[in-house]
């Protein structure tokens, strides 16, 4: 595959970066699922508490450019609307 030292290093960096990005994306999905689960229980106060924690997770992942900032805003908006709909 990689023949030069530079190419080997870039391949190593790519695998490390990919695993880190997958971990962060998984953390994002988990945060969203927690809010959705809290919404389905019907407890508005608990859902808001979980949403407040999840907001920081979503924002930090957007800051690291794992997802686009508009996608993060869309997720937060939809979760907020779901909580208001309780």
C-alpha atoms as a PDB file:
ATOM      1  CA  UNK A   1       0.000   0.000   0.000  1.00  0.00           C
ATOM      2  CA  UNK A   2       1.941   2.989   1.327  1.00  0.00           C
ATOM      3  CA  UNK A   3       5.464   3.011  -0.061  1.00  0.00           C
ATOM      4  CA  UNK A   4       6.964   6.122   1.490  1.00  0.00           C
ATOM      5  CA  UNK A   5       7.412   7.002   5.135  1.00  0.00           C
ATOM      6  CA  UNK A   6       5.101   9.977   4.705  1.00  0.00           C
ATOM      7  CA  UNK A   7       2.359   7.826   3.198  1.00  0.00           C
ATOM      8  CA  UNK A   8       2.705   5.267   5.992  1.00  0.00           C
ATOM      9  CA  UNK A   9       2.416   8.016   8.587  1.00  0.00           C
ATOM     10  CA  UNK A  10      -0.643   9.509   6.880  1.00  0.00           C
ATOM     11  CA  UNK A  11      -2.263   6.065   6.810  1.00  0.00           C
ATOM     12  CA  UNK A  12      -1.646   5.687  10.558  1.00  0.00           C
ATOM     13  CA  UNK A  13      -3.042   9.142  11.229  1.00  0.00           C
ATOM     14  CA  UNK A  14      -6.106   8.441   9.113  1.00  0.00           C
ATOM     15  CA  UNK A  15      -6.974   5.295  11.050  1.00  0.00           C
ATOM     16  CA  UNK A  16      -6.520   7.077  14.388  1.00  0.00           C
ATOM     17  CA  UNK A  17      -8.637  10.016  13.248  1.00  0.00           C
ATOM     18  CA  UNK A  18     -11.328   7.714  11.872  1.00  0.00           C
ATOM     19  CA  UNK A  19     -11.601   5.785  15.137  1.00  0.00           C
ATOM     20  CA  UNK A  20     -11.796   9.028  17.120  1.00  0.00           C
ATOM     21  CA  UNK A  21     -14.483  10.403  14.795  1.00  0.00           C
ATOM     22  CA  UNK A  22     -16.504   7.182  15.048  1.00  0.00           C
ATOM     23  CA  UNK A  23     -16.356   7.386  18.828  1.00  0.00           C
ATOM     24  CA  UNK A  24     -17.558  10.981  18.841  1.00  0.00           C
ATOM     25  CA  UNK A  25     -20.340  10.230  16.359  1.00  0.00           C
ATOM     26  CA  UNK A  26     -21.452   7.347  18.573  1.00  0.00           C
ATOM     27  CA  UNK A  27     -21.483   9.698  21.573  1.00  0.00           C
ATOM     28  CA  UNK A  28     -23.686  12.080  19.575  1.00  0.00           C
ATOM     29  CA  UNK A  29     -26.169   9.349  18.694  1.00  0.00           C
ATOM     30  CA  UNK A  30     -26.300   8.206  22.311  1.00  0.00           C
ATOM     31  CA  UNK A  31     -27.008  11.751  23.532  1.00  0.00           C
ATOM     32  CA  UNK A  32     -29.865  12.096  21.039  1.00  0.00           C
ATOM     33  CA  UNK A  33     -31.295   8.710  22.002  1.00  0.00           C
ATOM     34  CA  UNK A  34     -31.255   9.645  25.695  1.00  0.00           C
ATOM     35  CA  UNK A  35     -33.367  12.719  25.003  1.00  0.00           C
ATOM     36  CA  UNK A  36     -35.771  10.778  22.766  1.00  0.00           C
ATOM     37  CA  UNK A  37     -36.165   8.149  25.494  1.00  0.00           C
ATOM     38  CA  UNK A  38     -36.859  10.827  28.111  1.00  0.00           C
ATOM     39  CA  UNK A  39     -39.483  12.365  25.813  1.00  0.00           C
ATOM     40  CA  UNK A  40     -41.269   9.043  25.359  1.00  0.00           C
ATOM     41  CA  UNK A  41     -41.586   8.644  29.135  1.00  0.00           C
ATOM     42  CA  UNK A  42     -43.600  11.867  29.194  1.00  0.00           C
ATOM     43  CA  UNK A  43     -41.695  13.516  32.061  1.00  0.00           C
ATOM     44  CA  UNK A  44     -41.030  17.033  30.794  1.00  0.00           C
ATOM     45  CA  UNK A  45     -38.676  18.045  33.625  1.00  0.00           C
ATOM     46  CA  UNK A  46     -36.498  14.959  33.171  1.00  0.00           C
ATOM     47  CA  UNK A  47     -36.470  15.430  29.409  1.00  0.00           C
ATOM     48  CA  UNK A  48     -35.341  19.039  29.793  1.00  0.00           C
ATOM     49  CA  UNK A  49     -32.559  18.011  32.164  1.00  0.00           C
ATOM     50  CA  UNK A  50     -31.282  15.375  29.744  1.00  0.00           C
ATOM     51  CA  UNK A  51     -31.625  17.814  26.847  1.00  0.00           C
ATOM     52  CA  UNK A  52     -29.513  20.393  28.658  1.00  0.00           C
ATOM     53  CA  UNK A  53     -26.691  17.850  29.033  1.00  0.00           C
ATOM     54  CA  UNK A  54     -27.051  16.678  25.445  1.00  0.00           C
ATOM     55  CA  UNK A  55     -26.852  20.198  24.082  1.00  0.00           C
ATOM     56  CA  UNK A  56     -23.254  20.566  25.201  1.00  0.00           C
ATOM     57  CA  UNK A  57     -22.344  17.200  23.685  1.00  0.00           C
ATOM     58  CA  UNK A  58     -23.941  18.153  20.355  1.00  0.00           C
ATOM     59  CA  UNK A  59     -22.237  21.553  20.324  1.00  0.00           C
ATOM     60  CA  UNK A  60     -18.813  20.159  21.166  1.00  0.00           C
ATOM     61  CA  UNK A  61     -19.054  17.590  18.386  1.00  0.00           C
ATOM     62  CA  UNK A  62     -20.085  20.308  15.951  1.00  0.00           C
ATOM     63  CA  UNK A  63     -17.141  22.446  17.093  1.00  0.00           C
ATOM     64  CA  UNK A  64     -14.833  19.553  16.250  1.00  0.00           C
ATOM     65  CA  UNK A  65     -16.461  19.420  12.795  1.00  0.00           C
ATOM     66  CA  UNK A  66     -17.615  15.839  13.138  1.00  0.00           C
ATOM     67  CA  UNK A  67     -21.020  17.092  12.011  1.00  0.00           C
ATOM     68  CA  UNK A  68     -21.906  20.410  10.410  1.00  0.00           C
ATOM     69  CA  UNK A  69     -23.031  23.221  12.712  1.00  0.00           C
ATOM     70  CA  UNK A  70     -26.371  23.423  10.894  1.00  0.00           C
ATOM     71  CA  UNK A  71     -26.929  19.699  11.442  1.00  0.00           C
ATOM     72  CA  UNK A  72     -26.232  20.218  15.150  1.00  0.00           C
ATOM     73  CA  UNK A  73     -28.691  23.119  15.235  1.00  0.00           C
ATOM     74  CA  UNK A  74     -31.300  20.985  13.468  1.00  0.00           C
ATOM     75  CA  UNK A  75     -30.880  18.153  15.988  1.00  0.00           C
ATOM     76  CA  UNK A  76     -31.208  20.549  18.923  1.00  0.00           C
ATOM     77  CA  UNK A  77     -34.236  22.237  17.388  1.00  0.00           C
ATOM     78  CA  UNK A  78     -36.069  18.982  16.769  1.00  0.00           C
ATOM     79  CA  UNK A  79     -35.300  17.669  20.238  1.00  0.00           C
ATOM     80  CA  UNK A  80     -36.483  20.942  21.766  1.00  0.00           C
ATOM     81  CA  UNK A  81     -39.691  20.801  19.743  1.00  0.00           C
ATOM     82  CA  UNK A  82     -40.270  17.215  20.906  1.00  0.00           C
ATOM     83  CA  UNK A  83     -39.890  18.306  24.525  1.00  0.00           C
ATOM     84  CA  UNK A  84     -42.288  21.225  24.024  1.00  0.00           C
ATOM     85  CA  UNK A  85     -44.786  18.823  22.517  1.00  0.00           C
ATOM     86  CA  UNK A  86     -45.068  16.831  25.745  1.00  0.00           C
END
